[in-house]
Amino acid sequence: MPRLSAASQAAFSAFFNMFSGGAVQRMAIFALGIMPYISASIIVQLMTSVVPALENLKKEGEQGRKIINQYTRYGTVILGALRPMALPPALKVARASSSSRAGSSVFPPF
């Protein structure tokens, strides 16, 4: 996989920070802990509209809801495992890009 340029890595980290509600920039422990579940829940809910098998599960009632909840938990584990691998490189790029801009930040300090 080719290396991304510094500008595209900075854009990715800003994008990642935006979807985490600024948690990456502020390192909010709570937000980092709950975000994989929220993301997995949103992904599974969107997938129920796209994937016919999940749509049928949704229509099955209580039993289908339990299976969909189980898929959400599996997705949470997967996203929770991937996030620690993606976070350090994103923080490294964010620090490098913020120090090179000399005070001009995309996100205002809180």
PDB file of N, CA and C in Angstrom:
ATOM      1  N   MET A   1       0.851  -1.175   0.000  1.00  0.00           N
ATOM      2  CA  MET A   1       0.000   0.000   0.000  1.00  0.00           C
ATOM      3  C   MET A   1       0.896   1.237   0.000  1.00  0.00           C
ATOM      4  N   PRO A   2       0.722   2.143  -0.947  1.00  0.00           N
ATOM      5  CA  PRO A   2       1.576   3.324  -1.006  1.00  0.00           C
ATOM      6  C   PRO A   2       1.317   4.254   0.174  1.00  0.00           C
ATOM      7  N   ARG A   3       2.353   4.944   0.551  1.00  0.00           N
ATOM      8  CA  ARG A   3       2.245   5.908   1.657  1.00  0.00           C
ATOM      9  C   ARG A   3       1.415   7.105   1.238  1.00  0.00           C
ATOM     10  N   LEU A   4       0.614   7.597   2.151  1.00  0.00           N
ATOM     11  CA  LEU A   4      -0.175   8.789   1.880  1.00  0.00           C
ATOM     12  C   LEU A   4       0.688  10.016   2.088  1.00  0.00           C
ATOM     13  N   SER A   5       0.401  11.056   1.330  1.00  0.00           N
ATOM     14  CA  SER A   5       1.144  12.300   1.519  1.00  0.00           C
ATOM     15  C   SER A   5       0.762  12.913   2.863  1.00  0.00           C
ATOM     16  N   ALA A   6       1.603  13.809   3.335  1.00  0.00           N
ATOM     17  CA  ALA A   6       1.345  14.448   4.634  1.00  0.00           C
ATOM     18  C   ALA A   6       0.034  15.226   4.619  1.00  0.00           C
ATOM     19  N   ALA A   7      -0.274  15.863   3.489  1.00  0.00           N
ATOM     20  CA  ALA A   7      -1.512  16.640   3.391  1.00  0.00           C
ATOM     21  C   ALA A   7      -2.736  15.731   3.465  1.00  0.00           C
ATOM     22  N   SER A   8      -2.696  14.587   2.789  1.00  0.00           N
ATOM     23  CA  SER A   8      -3.848  13.695   2.825  1.00  0.00           C
ATOM     24  C   SER A   8      -3.976  13.019   4.185  1.00  0.00           C
ATOM     25  N   GLN A   9      -2.841  12.762   4.850  1.00  0.00           N
ATOM     26  CA  GLN A   9      -2.903  12.206   6.202  1.00  0.00           C
ATOM     27  C   GLN A   9      -3.486  13.222   7.174  1.00  0.00           C
ATOM     28  N   ALA A  10      -3.126  14.483   7.008  1.00  0.00           N
ATOM     29  CA  ALA A  10      -3.670  15.529   7.869  1.00  0.00           C
ATOM     30  C   ALA A  10      -5.167  15.682   7.636  1.00  0.00           C
ATOM     31  N   ALA A  11      -5.586  15.597   6.372  1.00  0.00           N
ATOM     32  CA  ALA A  11      -7.008  15.696   6.066  1.00  0.00           C
ATOM     33  C   ALA A  11      -7.763  14.518   6.671  1.00  0.00           C
ATOM     34  N   PHE A  12      -7.163  13.317   6.602  1.00  0.00           N
ATOM     35  CA  PHE A  12      -7.802  12.140   7.196  1.00  0.00           C
ATOM     36  C   PHE A  12      -7.936  12.305   8.702  1.00  0.00           C
ATOM     37  N   SER A  13      -6.887  12.788   9.357  1.00  0.00           N
ATOM     38  CA  SER A  13      -6.960  12.935  10.813  1.00  0.00           C
ATOM     39  C   SER A  13      -7.980  14.003  11.212  1.00  0.00           C
ATOM     40  N   ALA A  14      -8.085  15.077  10.411  1.00  0.00           N
ATOM     41  CA  ALA A  14      -9.099  16.096  10.696  1.00  0.00           C
ATOM     42  C   ALA A  14     -10.503  15.511  10.504  1.00  0.00           C
ATOM     43  N   PHE A  15     -10.674  14.684   9.475  1.00  0.00           N
ATOM     44  CA  PHE A  15     -11.948  14.017   9.213  1.00  0.00           C
ATOM     45  C   PHE A  15     -12.286  13.062  10.355  1.00  0.00           C
ATOM     46  N   PHE A  16     -11.303  12.275  10.790  1.00  0.00           N
ATOM     47  CA  PHE A  16     -11.469  11.329  11.886  1.00  0.00           C
ATOM     48  C   PHE A  16     -11.825  12.071  13.171  1.00  0.00           C
ATOM     49  N   ASN A  17     -11.157  13.198  13.415  1.00  0.00           N
ATOM     50  CA  ASN A  17     -11.409  14.003  14.599  1.00  0.00           C
ATOM     51  C   ASN A  17     -12.810  14.596  14.566  1.00  0.00           C
ATOM     52  N   MET A  18     -13.265  14.990  13.387  1.00  0.00           N
ATOM     53  CA  MET A  18     -14.593  15.569  13.263  1.00  0.00           C
ATOM     54  C   MET A  18     -15.665  14.538  13.629  1.00  0.00           C
ATOM     55  N   PHE A  19     -15.523  13.295  13.165  1.00  0.00           N
ATOM     56  CA  PHE A  19     -16.522  12.275  13.455  1.00  0.00           C
ATOM     57  C   PHE A  19     -16.449  11.764  14.886  1.00  0.00           C
ATOM     58  N   SER A  20     -15.356  11.997  15.548  1.00  0.00           N
ATOM     59  CA  SER A  20     -15.278  11.589  16.944  1.00  0.00           C
ATOM     60  C   SER A  20     -15.679  12.732  17.869  1.00  0.00           C
ATOM     61  N   GLY A  21     -16.186  13.809  17.297  1.00  0.00           N
ATOM     62  CA  GLY A  21     -16.636  14.937  18.098  1.00  0.00           C
ATOM     63  C   GLY A  21     -15.493  15.674  18.769  1.00  0.00           C
ATOM     64  N   GLY A  22     -14.312  15.645  18.170  1.00  0.00           N
ATOM     65  CA  GLY A  22     -13.146  16.301  18.736  1.00  0.00           C
ATOM     66  C   GLY A  22     -12.438  15.469  19.792  1.00  0.00           C
ATOM     67  N   ALA A  23     -12.880  14.233  19.987  1.00  0.00           N
ATOM     68  CA  ALA A  23     -12.294  13.381  21.023  1.00  0.00           C
ATOM     69  C   ALA A  23     -10.848  13.026  20.721  1.00  0.00           C
ATOM     70  N   VAL A  24     -10.523  12.881  19.458  1.00  0.00           N
ATOM     71  CA  VAL A  24      -9.141  12.557  19.106  1.00  0.00           C
ATOM     72  C   VAL A  24      -8.234  13.704  19.502  1.00  0.00           C
ATOM     73  N   GLN A  25      -8.679  14.918  19.228  1.00  0.00           N
ATOM     74  CA  GLN A  25      -7.868  16.084  19.568  1.00  0.00           C
ATOM     75  C   GLN A  25      -7.780  16.263  21.084  1.00  0.00           C
ATOM     76  N   ARG A  26      -8.871  16.042  21.788  1.00  0.00           N
ATOM     77  CA  ARG A  26      -8.887  16.253  23.236  1.00  0.00           C
ATOM     78  C   ARG A  26      -8.572  14.991  24.018  1.00  0.00           C
ATOM     79  N   MET A  27      -8.555  13.837  23.324  1.00  0.00           N
ATOM     80  CA  MET A  27      -8.306  12.539  23.954  1.00  0.00           C
ATOM     81  C   MET A  27      -9.309  12.251  25.079  1.00  0.00           C
ATOM     82  N   ALA A  28     -10.578  12.463  24.787  1.00  0.00           N
ATOM     83  CA  ALA A  28     -11.629  12.184  25.760  1.00  0.00           C
ATOM     84  C   ALA A  28     -11.798  10.676  25.889  1.00  0.00           C
ATOM     85  N   ILE A  29     -11.495  10.143  27.038  1.00  0.00           N
ATOM     86  CA  ILE A  29     -11.526   8.703  27.266  1.00  0.00           C
ATOM     87  C   ILE A  29     -12.928   8.145  27.067  1.00  0.00           C
ATOM     88  N   PHE A  30     -13.934   8.819  27.592  1.00  0.00           N
ATOM     89  CA  PHE A  30     -15.301   8.320  27.463  1.00  0.00           C
ATOM     90  C   PHE A  30     -15.714   8.239  26.001  1.00  0.00           C
ATOM     91  N   ALA A  31     -15.445   9.291  25.232  1.00  0.00           N
ATOM     92  CA  ALA A  31     -15.845   9.311  23.821  1.00  0.00           C
ATOM     93  C   ALA A  31     -15.120   8.223  23.041  1.00  0.00           C
ATOM     94  N   LEU A  32     -13.883   7.971  23.357  1.00  0.00           N
ATOM     95  CA  LEU A  32     -13.143   6.921  22.665  1.00  0.00           C
ATOM     96  C   LEU A  32     -13.693   5.549  23.023  1.00  0.00           C
ATOM     97  N   GLY A  33     -14.244   5.392  24.204  1.00  0.00           N
ATOM     98  CA  GLY A  33     -14.775   4.104  24.615  1.00  0.00           C
ATOM     99  C   GLY A  33     -16.147   3.797  24.044  1.00  0.00           C
ATOM    100  N   ILE A  34     -16.990   4.802  23.876  1.00  0.00           N
ATOM    101  CA  ILE A  34     -18.363   4.573  23.431  1.00  0.00           C
ATOM    102  C   ILE A  34     -18.514   4.692  21.920  1.00  0.00           C
ATOM    103  N   MET A  35     -17.591   5.336  21.242  1.00  0.00           N
ATOM    104  CA  MET A  35     -17.722   5.580  19.812  1.00  0.00           C
ATOM    105  C   MET A  35     -17.787   4.302  18.973  1.00  0.00           C
ATOM    106  N   PRO A  36     -17.036   3.245  19.259  1.00  0.00           N
ATOM    107  CA  PRO A  36     -17.181   2.037  18.426  1.00  0.00           C
ATOM    108  C   PRO A  36     -18.600   1.463  18.465  1.00  0.00           C
ATOM    109  N   TYR A  37     -19.249   1.496  19.623  1.00  0.00           N
ATOM    110  CA  TYR A  37     -20.623   0.990  19.703  1.00  0.00           C
ATOM    111  C   TYR A  37     -21.581   1.865  18.913  1.00  0.00           C
ATOM    112  N   ILE A  38     -21.431   3.166  19.049  1.00  0.00           N
ATOM    113  CA  ILE A  38     -22.311   4.079  18.322  1.00  0.00           C
ATOM    114  C   ILE A  38     -22.119   3.917  16.825  1.00  0.00           C
ATOM    115  N   SER A  39     -20.864   3.838  16.393  1.00  0.00           N
ATOM    116  CA  SER A  39     -20.582   3.668  14.964  1.00  0.00           C
ATOM    117  C   SER A  39     -21.131   2.342  14.451  1.00  0.00           C
ATOM    118  N   ALA A  40     -20.923   1.263  15.192  1.00  0.00           N
ATOM    119  CA  ALA A  40     -21.426  -0.046  14.774  1.00  0.00           C
ATOM    120  C   ALA A  40     -22.947  -0.038  14.711  1.00  0.00           C
ATOM    121  N   SER A  41     -23.593   0.607  15.664  1.00  0.00           N
ATOM    122  CA  SER A  41     -25.047   0.678  15.674  1.00  0.00           C
ATOM    123  C   SER A  41     -25.559   1.426  14.450  1.00  0.00           C
ATOM    124  N   ILE A  42     -24.933   2.522  14.101  1.00  0.00           N
ATOM    125  CA  ILE A  42     -25.342   3.289  12.920  1.00  0.00           C
ATOM    126  C   ILE A  42     -25.129   2.465  11.659  1.00  0.00           C
ATOM    127  N   ILE A  43     -23.981   1.794  11.560  1.00  0.00           N
ATOM    128  CA  ILE A  43     -23.681   0.980  10.378  1.00  0.00           C
ATOM    129  C   ILE A  43     -24.702  -0.140  10.226  1.00  0.00           C
ATOM    130  N   VAL A  44     -25.010  -0.841  11.312  1.00  0.00           N
ATOM    131  CA  VAL A  44     -25.967  -1.949  11.235  1.00  0.00           C
ATOM    132  C   VAL A  44     -27.358  -1.431  10.880  1.00  0.00           C
ATOM    133  N   GLN A  45     -27.765  -0.304  11.448  1.00  0.00           N
ATOM    134  CA  GLN A  45     -29.077   0.254  11.125  1.00  0.00           C
ATOM    135  C   GLN A  45     -29.169   0.641   9.659  1.00  0.00           C
ATOM    136  N   LEU A  46     -28.100   1.201   9.102  1.00  0.00           N
ATOM    137  CA  LEU A  46     -28.096   1.533   7.679  1.00  0.00           C
ATOM    138  C   LEU A  46     -28.090   0.276   6.817  1.00  0.00           C
ATOM    139  N   MET A  47     -27.381  -0.742   7.278  1.00  0.00           N
ATOM    140  CA  MET A  47     -27.308  -1.992   6.521  1.00  0.00           C
ATOM    141  C   MET A  47     -28.667  -2.704   6.485  1.00  0.00           C
ATOM    142  N   THR A  48     -29.503  -2.516   7.496  1.00  0.00           N
ATOM    143  CA  THR A  48     -30.815  -3.163   7.486  1.00  0.00           C
ATOM    144  C   THR A  48     -31.692  -2.640   6.356  1.00  0.00           C
ATOM    145  N   SER A  49     -31.419  -1.436   5.892  1.00  0.00           N
ATOM    146  CA  SER A  49     -32.175  -0.889   4.768  1.00  0.00           C
ATOM    147  C   SER A  49     -31.632  -1.357   3.425  1.00  0.00           C
ATOM    148  N   VAL A  50     -30.372  -1.795   3.402  1.00  0.00           N
ATOM    149  CA  VAL A  50     -29.708  -2.140   2.150  1.00  0.00           C
ATOM    150  C   VAL A  50     -29.662  -3.648   1.913  1.00  0.00           C
ATOM    151  N   VAL A  51     -29.380  -4.412   2.951  1.00  0.00           N
ATOM    152  CA  VAL A  51     -29.212  -5.857   2.824  1.00  0.00           C
ATOM    153  C   VAL A  51     -30.555  -6.545   3.077  1.00  0.00           C
ATOM    154  N   PRO A  52     -31.058  -7.282   2.088  1.00  0.00           N
ATOM    155  CA  PRO A  52     -32.369  -7.919   2.252  1.00  0.00           C
ATOM    156  C   PRO A  52     -32.442  -8.900   3.434  1.00  0.00           C
ATOM    157  N   ALA A  53     -31.372  -9.639   3.706  1.00  0.00           N
ATOM    158  CA  ALA A  53     -31.398 -10.590   4.823  1.00  0.00           C
ATOM    159  C   ALA A  53     -31.577  -9.868   6.158  1.00  0.00           C
ATOM    160  N   LEU A  54     -30.903  -8.735   6.311  1.00  0.00           N
ATOM    161  CA  LEU A  54     -31.059  -7.961   7.549  1.00  0.00           C
ATOM    162  C   LEU A  54     -32.439  -7.316   7.618  1.00  0.00           C
ATOM    163  N   GLU A  55     -32.952  -6.927   6.480  1.00  0.00           N
ATOM    164  CA  GLU A  55     -34.304  -6.348   6.450  1.00  0.00           C
ATOM    165  C   GLU A  55     -35.342  -7.382   6.879  1.00  0.00           C
ATOM    166  N   ASN A  56     -35.152  -8.634   6.433  1.00  0.00           N
ATOM    167  CA  ASN A  56     -36.061  -9.706   6.856  1.00  0.00           C
ATOM    168  C   ASN A  56     -35.946  -9.967   8.352  1.00  0.00           C
ATOM    169  N   LEU A  57     -34.713  -9.902   8.890  1.00  0.00           N
ATOM    170  CA  LEU A  57     -34.536 -10.069  10.340  1.00  0.00           C
ATOM    171  C   LEU A  57     -35.270  -8.977  11.105  1.00  0.00           C
ATOM    172  N   LYS A  58     -35.201  -7.770  10.583  1.00  0.00           N
ATOM    173  CA  LYS A  58     -35.857  -6.635  11.234  1.00  0.00           C
ATOM    174  C   LYS A  58     -37.372  -6.850  11.305  1.00  0.00           C
ATOM    175  N   LYS A  59     -37.925  -7.507  10.284  1.00  0.00           N
ATOM    176  CA  LYS A  59     -39.366  -7.740  10.227  1.00  0.00           C
ATOM    177  C   LYS A  59     -39.809  -8.926  11.083  1.00  0.00           C
ATOM    178  N   GLU A  60     -38.865  -9.734  11.554  1.00  0.00           N
ATOM    179  CA  GLU A  60     -39.211 -10.930  12.333  1.00  0.00           C
ATOM    180  C   GLU A  60     -39.660 -10.627  13.755  1.00  0.00           C
ATOM    181  N   GLY A  61     -39.460  -9.426  14.199  1.00  0.00           N
ATOM    182  CA  GLY A  61     -39.890  -9.077  15.549  1.00  0.00           C
ATOM    183  C   GLY A  61     -38.776  -9.202  16.564  1.00  0.00           C
ATOM    184  N   GLU A  62     -39.123  -9.698  17.735  1.00  0.00           N
ATOM    185  CA  GLU A  62     -38.180  -9.766  18.863  1.00  0.00           C
ATOM    186  C   GLU A  62     -36.951 -10.617  18.558  1.00  0.00           C
ATOM    187  N   GLN A  63     -37.157 -11.779  17.966  1.00  0.00           N
ATOM    188  CA  GLN A  63     -36.030 -12.668  17.660  1.00  0.00           C
ATOM    189  C   GLN A  63     -35.080 -12.019  16.656  1.00  0.00           C
ATOM    190  N   GLY A  64     -35.618 -11.367  15.646  1.00  0.00           N
ATOM    191  CA  GLY A  64     -34.791 -10.679  14.660  1.00  0.00           C
ATOM    192  C   GLY A  64     -34.029  -9.526  15.277  1.00  0.00           C
ATOM    193  N   ARG A  65     -34.667  -8.807  16.192  1.00  0.00           N
ATOM    194  CA  ARG A  65     -34.007  -7.688  16.873  1.00  0.00           C
ATOM    195  C   ARG A  65     -32.835  -8.188  17.705  1.00  0.00           C
ATOM    196  N   LYS A  66     -32.999  -9.345  18.340  1.00  0.00           N
ATOM    197  CA  LYS A  66     -31.904  -9.908  19.135  1.00  0.00           C
ATOM    198  C   LYS A  66     -30.710 -10.247  18.250  1.00  0.00           C
ATOM    199  N   ILE A  67     -30.983 -10.804  17.079  1.00  0.00           N
ATOM    200  CA  ILE A  67     -29.887 -11.158  16.156  1.00  0.00           C
ATOM    201  C   ILE A  67     -29.197  -9.893  15.639  1.00  0.00           C
ATOM    202  N   ILE A  68     -29.977  -8.869  15.309  1.00  0.00           N
ATOM    203  CA  ILE A  68     -29.394  -7.609  14.847  1.00  0.00           C
ATOM    204  C   ILE A  68     -28.558  -6.972  15.952  1.00  0.00           C
ATOM    205  N   ASN A  69     -29.026  -7.043  17.192  1.00  0.00           N
ATOM    206  CA  ASN A  69     -28.238  -6.534  18.324  1.00  0.00           C
ATOM    207  C   ASN A  69     -26.931  -7.306  18.473  1.00  0.00           C
ATOM    208  N   GLN A  70     -26.967  -8.608  18.214  1.00  0.00           N
ATOM    209  CA  GLN A  70     -25.749  -9.412  18.284  1.00  0.00           C
ATOM    210  C   GLN A  70     -24.772  -8.982  17.194  1.00  0.00           C
ATOM    211  N   TYR A  71     -25.268  -8.711  15.982  1.00  0.00           N
ATOM    212  CA  TYR A  71     -24.409  -8.211  14.906  1.00  0.00           C
ATOM    213  C   TYR A  71     -23.798  -6.861  15.280  1.00  0.00           C
ATOM    214  N   THR A  72     -24.581  -6.035  15.964  1.00  0.00           N
ATOM    215  CA  THR A  72     -24.060  -4.737  16.414  1.00  0.00           C
ATOM    216  C   THR A  72     -22.916  -4.938  17.404  1.00  0.00           C
ATOM    217  N   ARG A  73     -23.051  -5.905  18.296  1.00  0.00           N
ATOM    218  CA  ARG A  73     -21.979  -6.186  19.259  1.00  0.00           C
ATOM    219  C   ARG A  73     -20.723  -6.692  18.550  1.00  0.00           C
ATOM    220  N   TYR A  74     -20.902  -7.566  17.546  1.00  0.00           N
ATOM    221  CA  TYR A  74     -19.744  -8.039  16.777  1.00  0.00           C
ATOM    222  C   TYR A  74     -19.055  -6.874  16.075  1.00  0.00           C
ATOM    223  N   GLY A  75     -19.851  -5.988  15.489  1.00  0.00           N
ATOM    224  CA  GLY A  75     -19.285  -4.809  14.834  1.00  0.00           C
ATOM    225  C   GLY A  75     -18.554  -3.911  15.807  1.00  0.00           C
ATOM    226  N   THR A  76     -19.065  -3.817  17.036  1.00  0.00           N
ATOM    227  CA  THR A  76     -18.403  -3.016  18.063  1.00  0.00           C
ATOM    228  C   THR A  76     -17.025  -3.585  18.388  1.00  0.00           C
ATOM    229  N   VAL A  77     -16.944  -4.891  18.497  1.00  0.00           N
ATOM    230  CA  VAL A  77     -15.656  -5.532  18.784  1.00  0.00           C
ATOM    231  C   VAL A  77     -14.675  -5.277  17.650  1.00  0.00           C
ATOM    232  N   ILE A  78     -15.149  -5.403  16.417  1.00  0.00           N
ATOM    233  CA  ILE A  78     -14.268  -5.184  15.268  1.00  0.00           C
ATOM    234  C   ILE A  78     -13.799  -3.730  15.216  1.00  0.00           C
ATOM    235  N   LEU A  79     -14.718  -2.786  15.352  1.00  0.00           N
ATOM    236  CA  LEU A  79     -14.333  -1.368  15.332  1.00  0.00           C
ATOM    237  C   LEU A  79     -13.461  -1.012  16.532  1.00  0.00           C
ATOM    238  N   GLY A  80     -13.766  -1.605  17.680  1.00  0.00           N
ATOM    239  CA  GLY A  80     -12.947  -1.363  18.869  1.00  0.00           C
ATOM    240  C   GLY A  80     -11.535  -1.903  18.717  1.00  0.00           C
ATOM    241  N   ALA A  81     -11.363  -2.976  17.952  1.00  0.00           N
ATOM    242  CA  ALA A  81     -10.033  -3.532  17.716  1.00  0.00           C
ATOM    243  C   ALA A  81      -9.274  -2.727  16.665  1.00  0.00           C
ATOM    244  N   LEU A  82      -9.980  -2.202  15.676  1.00  0.00           N
ATOM    245  CA  LEU A  82      -9.326  -1.438  14.610  1.00  0.00           C
ATOM    246  C   LEU A  82      -8.945  -0.028  15.045  1.00  0.00           C
ATOM    247  N   ARG A  83      -9.737   0.542  15.921  1.00  0.00           N
ATOM    248  CA  ARG A  83      -9.512   1.932  16.325  1.00  0.00           C
ATOM    249  C   ARG A  83      -8.144   2.160  16.988  1.00  0.00           C
ATOM    250  N   PRO A  84      -7.703   1.306  17.916  1.00  0.00           N
ATOM    251  CA  PRO A  84      -6.380   1.551  18.516  1.00  0.00           C
ATOM    252  C   PRO A  84      -5.239   1.458  17.511  1.00  0.00           C
ATOM    253  N   MET A  85      -5.448   0.709  16.437  1.00  0.00           N
ATOM    254  CA  MET A  85      -4.408   0.632  15.412  1.00  0.00           C
ATOM    255  C   MET A  85      -4.375   1.890  14.553  1.00  0.00           C
ATOM    256  N   ALA A  86      -5.511   2.543  14.360  1.00  0.00           N
ATOM    257  CA  ALA A  86      -5.587   3.736  13.524  1.00  0.00           C
ATOM    258  C   ALA A  86      -5.314   5.017  14.303  1.00  0.00           C
ATOM    259  N   LEU A  87      -5.529   5.003  15.601  1.00  0.00           N
ATOM    260  CA  LEU A  87      -5.419   6.221  16.399  1.00  0.00           C
ATOM    261  C   LEU A  87      -4.002   6.776  16.520  1.00  0.00           C
ATOM    262  N   PRO A  88      -2.980   5.987  16.865  1.00  0.00           N
ATOM    263  CA  PRO A  88      -1.638   6.576  17.000  1.00  0.00           C
ATOM    264  C   PRO A  88      -1.110   7.238  15.725  1.00  0.00           C
ATOM    265  N   PRO A  89      -1.241   6.611  14.548  1.00  0.00           N
ATOM    266  CA  PRO A  89      -0.787   7.320  13.348  1.00  0.00           C
ATOM    267  C   PRO A  89      -1.571   8.605  13.094  1.00  0.00           C
ATOM    268  N   ALA A  90      -2.871   8.589  13.366  1.00  0.00           N
ATOM    269  CA  ALA A  90      -3.676   9.794  13.161  1.00  0.00           C
ATOM    270  C   ALA A  90      -3.246  10.901  14.118  1.00  0.00           C
ATOM    271  N   LEU A  91      -2.963  10.557  15.363  1.00  0.00           N
ATOM    272  CA  LEU A  91      -2.506  11.563  16.328  1.00  0.00           C
ATOM    273  C   LEU A  91      -1.139  12.104  15.952  1.00  0.00           C
ATOM    274  N   LYS A  92      -0.264  11.238  15.463  1.00  0.00           N
ATOM    275  CA  LYS A  92       1.072  11.671  15.054  1.00  0.00           C
ATOM    276  C   LYS A  92       0.974  12.683  13.916  1.00  0.00           C
ATOM    277  N   VAL A  93       0.127  12.407  12.943  1.00  0.00           N
ATOM    278  CA  VAL A  93      -0.059  13.321  11.824  1.00  0.00           C
ATOM    279  C   VAL A  93      -0.716  14.607  12.294  1.00  0.00           C
ATOM    280  N   ALA A  94      -1.687  14.499  13.197  1.00  0.00           N
ATOM    281  CA  ALA A  94      -2.365  15.692  13.705  1.00  0.00           C
ATOM    282  C   ALA A  94      -1.397  16.593  14.446  1.00  0.00           C
ATOM    283  N   ARG A  95      -0.514  16.005  15.252  1.00  0.00           N
ATOM    284  CA  ARG A  95       0.483  16.805  15.964  1.00  0.00           C
ATOM    285  C   ARG A  95       1.446  17.466  14.996  1.00  0.00           C
ATOM    286  N   ALA A  96       1.890  16.707  14.001  1.00  0.00           N
ATOM    287  CA  ALA A  96       2.834  17.250  13.026  1.00  0.00           C
ATOM    288  C   ALA A  96       2.199  18.370  12.220  1.00  0.00           C
ATOM    289  N   SER A  97       0.961  18.197  11.815  1.00  0.00           N
ATOM    290  CA  SER A  97       0.303  19.234  11.025  1.00  0.00           C
ATOM    291  C   SER A  97      -0.038  20.450  11.871  1.00  0.00           C
ATOM    292  N   SER A  98      -0.379  20.253  13.150  1.00  0.00           N
ATOM    293  CA  SER A  98      -0.708  21.405  13.988  1.00  0.00           C
ATOM    294  C   SER A  98       0.540  22.197  14.347  1.00  0.00           C
ATOM    295  N   SER A  99       1.677  21.533  14.492  1.00  0.00           N
ATOM    296  CA  SER A  99       2.903  22.268  14.800  1.00  0.00           C
ATOM    297  C   SER A  99       3.429  22.989  13.570  1.00  0.00           C
ATOM    298  N   SER A 100       3.148  22.484  12.370  1.00  0.00           N
ATOM    299  CA  SER A 100       3.620  23.141  11.155  1.00  0.00           C
ATOM    300  C   SER A 100       2.765  24.335  10.777  1.00  0.00           C
ATOM    301  N   ARG A 101       1.548  24.418  11.292  1.00  0.00           N
ATOM    302  CA  ARG A 101       0.667  25.534  10.969  1.00  0.00           C
ATOM    303  C   ARG A 101       0.874  26.722  11.892  1.00  0.00           C
ATOM    304  N   ALA A 102       1.611  26.548  12.935  1.00  0.00           N
ATOM    305  CA  ALA A 102       1.960  27.625  13.869  1.00  0.00           C
ATOM    306  C   ALA A 102       0.747  28.383  14.382  1.00  0.00           C
ATOM    307  N   GLY A 103      -0.163  27.650  15.008  1.00  0.00           N
ATOM    308  CA  GLY A 103      -1.269  28.300  15.692  1.00  0.00           C
ATOM    309  C   GLY A 103      -2.561  28.372  14.914  1.00  0.00           C
ATOM    310  N   SER A 104      -2.552  28.187  13.625  1.00  0.00           N
ATOM    311  CA  SER A 104      -3.808  28.220  12.868  1.00  0.00           C
ATOM    312  C   SER A 104      -4.405  26.831  12.853  1.00  0.00           C
ATOM    313  N   SER A 105      -5.402  26.618  13.665  1.00  0.00           N
ATOM    314  CA  SER A 105      -6.018  25.297  13.812  1.00  0.00           C
ATOM    315  C   SER A 105      -7.378  25.256  13.130  1.00  0.00           C
ATOM    316  N   VAL A 106      -7.718  24.098  12.592  1.00  0.00           N
ATOM    317  CA  VAL A 106      -9.038  23.919  11.993  1.00  0.00           C
ATOM    318  C   VAL A 106     -10.101  23.962  13.077  1.00  0.00           C
ATOM    319  N   PHE A 107      -9.774  23.398  14.227  1.00  0.00           N
ATOM    320  CA  PHE A 107     -10.706  23.334  15.339  1.00  0.00           C
ATOM    321  C   PHE A 107     -10.240  24.300  16.425  1.00  0.00           C
ATOM    322  N   PRO A 108     -11.107  25.176  16.899  1.00  0.00           N
ATOM    323  CA  PRO A 108     -10.703  26.106  17.956  1.00  0.00           C
ATOM    324  C   PRO A 108     -10.485  25.361  19.269  1.00  0.00           C
ATOM    325  N   PRO A 109      -9.535  25.832  20.082  1.00  0.00           N
ATOM    326  CA  PRO A 109      -9.310  25.185  21.379  1.00  0.00           C
ATOM    327  C   PRO A 109     -10.477  25.454  22.315  1.00  0.00           C
ATOM    328  N   PHE A 110     -10.783  24.461  23.147  1.00  0.00           N
ATOM    329  CA  PHE A 110     -11.882  24.607  24.118  1.00  0.00           C
ATOM    330  C   PHE A 110     -11.352  24.657  25.509  1.00  0.00           C
TER     331      PHE A 110
END
